[in-house]
Protein backbone atom coordinates (compact mmCIF):
# COMPACT_ATOMS: atom_id res chain seq x y z
CA MET A 1 -30.76 -25.87 -1.72
CA CYS A 2 -34.23 -26.92 -0.56
CA GLU A 3 -35.34 -27.55 -4.16
CA ARG A 4 -38.69 -25.79 -3.67
CA GLU A 5 -40.31 -24.24 -6.75
CA GLY A 6 -41.51 -20.64 -7.00
CA VAL A 7 -39.44 -19.20 -4.15
CA GLU A 8 -37.72 -15.83 -4.09
CA THR A 9 -33.95 -16.30 -4.08
CA THR A 10 -30.90 -14.39 -2.93
CA ILE A 11 -27.24 -14.76 -3.84
CA HIS A 12 -25.16 -16.67 -1.31
CA HIS A 13 -21.37 -16.43 -1.51
CA LEU A 14 -20.22 -20.01 -0.90
CA THR A 15 -17.05 -18.54 0.59
CA PRO A 16 -18.19 -15.44 2.50
CA ARG A 17 -16.98 -12.11 1.16
CA GLU A 18 -15.43 -11.35 4.57
CA GLU A 19 -13.30 -14.46 4.08
CA GLY A 20 -12.12 -13.53 0.59
CA GLY A 21 -15.03 -14.90 -1.43
CA SER A 22 -16.09 -11.76 -3.31
CA PHE A 23 -15.13 -13.21 -6.69
CA LEU A 24 -15.56 -16.91 -5.88
CA PRO A 25 -18.60 -19.09 -6.73
CA THR A 26 -22.08 -18.17 -5.52
CA ALA A 27 -25.41 -20.00 -5.32
CA ASN A 28 -29.01 -18.83 -5.53
CA LEU A 29 -30.78 -19.83 -2.33
CA CYS A 30 -34.29 -19.21 -1.09
CA ILE A 31 -34.43 -16.58 1.63
CA PRO A 32 -35.21 -19.02 4.50
CA CYS A 33 -32.32 -21.35 3.56
CA HIS A 34 -29.93 -18.42 3.24
CA LYS A 35 -30.94 -16.97 6.61
CA GLN A 36 -30.70 -20.37 8.30
CA ILE A 37 -27.18 -20.99 7.00
CA HIS A 38 -25.94 -17.70 8.42
CA ALA A 39 -27.79 -18.29 11.70
CA ILE A 40 -26.14 -21.66 12.23
CA TYR A 41 -22.62 -21.22 10.88
CA SER A 42 -19.91 -18.61 11.30
CA ASN A 43 -18.26 -17.12 8.22
CA LYS A 44 -15.01 -18.89 9.15
CA GLU A 45 -16.81 -22.23 9.31
CA LEU A 46 -18.48 -21.61 5.95
CA ALA A 47 -15.15 -20.66 4.35
CA ASN A 48 -13.13 -23.53 5.82
CA ARG A 49 -15.55 -26.44 5.93
CA LEU A 50 -18.80 -25.71 4.07
CA MET A 51 -17.81 -23.90 0.88
CA THR A 52 -19.92 -26.01 -1.50
CA LEU A 53 -23.64 -26.75 -1.68
CA GLU A 54 -22.87 -30.46 -1.39
CA ARG A 55 -20.99 -29.97 1.87
CA LEU A 56 -23.73 -27.74 3.24
CA LYS A 57 -26.46 -30.25 2.36
CA ASP A 58 -24.46 -33.07 3.98
CA ASP A 59 -24.02 -31.23 7.28
CA GLU A 60 -26.23 -32.65 10.04
CA GLU A 61 -27.36 -29.27 11.39
CA ILE A 62 -28.80 -28.04 8.10
CA LYS A 63 -30.24 -31.45 7.11
CA LYS A 64 -32.92 -31.14 9.80
CA PHE A 65 -33.91 -27.70 8.52
CA LEU A 66 -33.98 -28.83 4.88
CA LYS A 67 -36.23 -31.76 5.75
CA TRP A 68 -38.69 -29.31 7.35
CA ILE A 69 -38.50 -26.44 4.83
CA LYS A 70 -39.11 -28.74 1.84
CA LYS A 71 -42.63 -29.27 3.18
CA GLN A 72 -43.37 -25.53 3.46
CA PRO A 73 -45.16 -23.49 0.78
CA PRO A 74 -42.95 -21.13 -1.27
CA GLU A 75 -44.33 -17.96 0.33
CA VAL A 76 -43.28 -19.01 3.85
CA LEU A 77 -40.64 -16.72 5.36
CA ILE A 78 -39.30 -17.78 8.73
CA LYS A 79 -37.80 -16.07 11.71
CA THR A 80 -34.32 -17.31 12.50
CA LYS A 81 -32.40 -17.29 15.73
CA LYS A 82 -28.68 -17.73 16.06
CA ALA A 83 -27.83 -21.25 17.18
CA LYS A 84 -26.74 -21.56 20.81
CA ASN A 85 -23.31 -22.83 19.81
CA ARG A 86 -22.93 -19.96 17.32
CA LYS A 87 -23.78 -17.37 20.00
CA SER A 88 -21.00 -18.63 22.23
CA LYS A 89 -18.52 -18.57 19.32
CA LEU A 90 -19.37 -14.91 18.64
CA ARG A 91 -18.69 -13.86 22.22
CA ARG A 92 -15.08 -15.08 22.17
């Protein structure tokens, strides 16, 4: 997603497995991008609104992160925190 070269990748289910995406399309994402997606968005939101890489890349919240991570060397692993709006969604 960030288009960096030489990064370790993980498999991201574009529709989360918990939302029925076990056998649906996946994407290889670098670890920081994958962690950031799950820190920002709920599984429901990913399944209903952001189930393609194009939609994810076009979302304003991840655009800021992608702009920053593209400048980072491939070995950089980041700490992620759940977004404030995501924390409140989880408490409901």
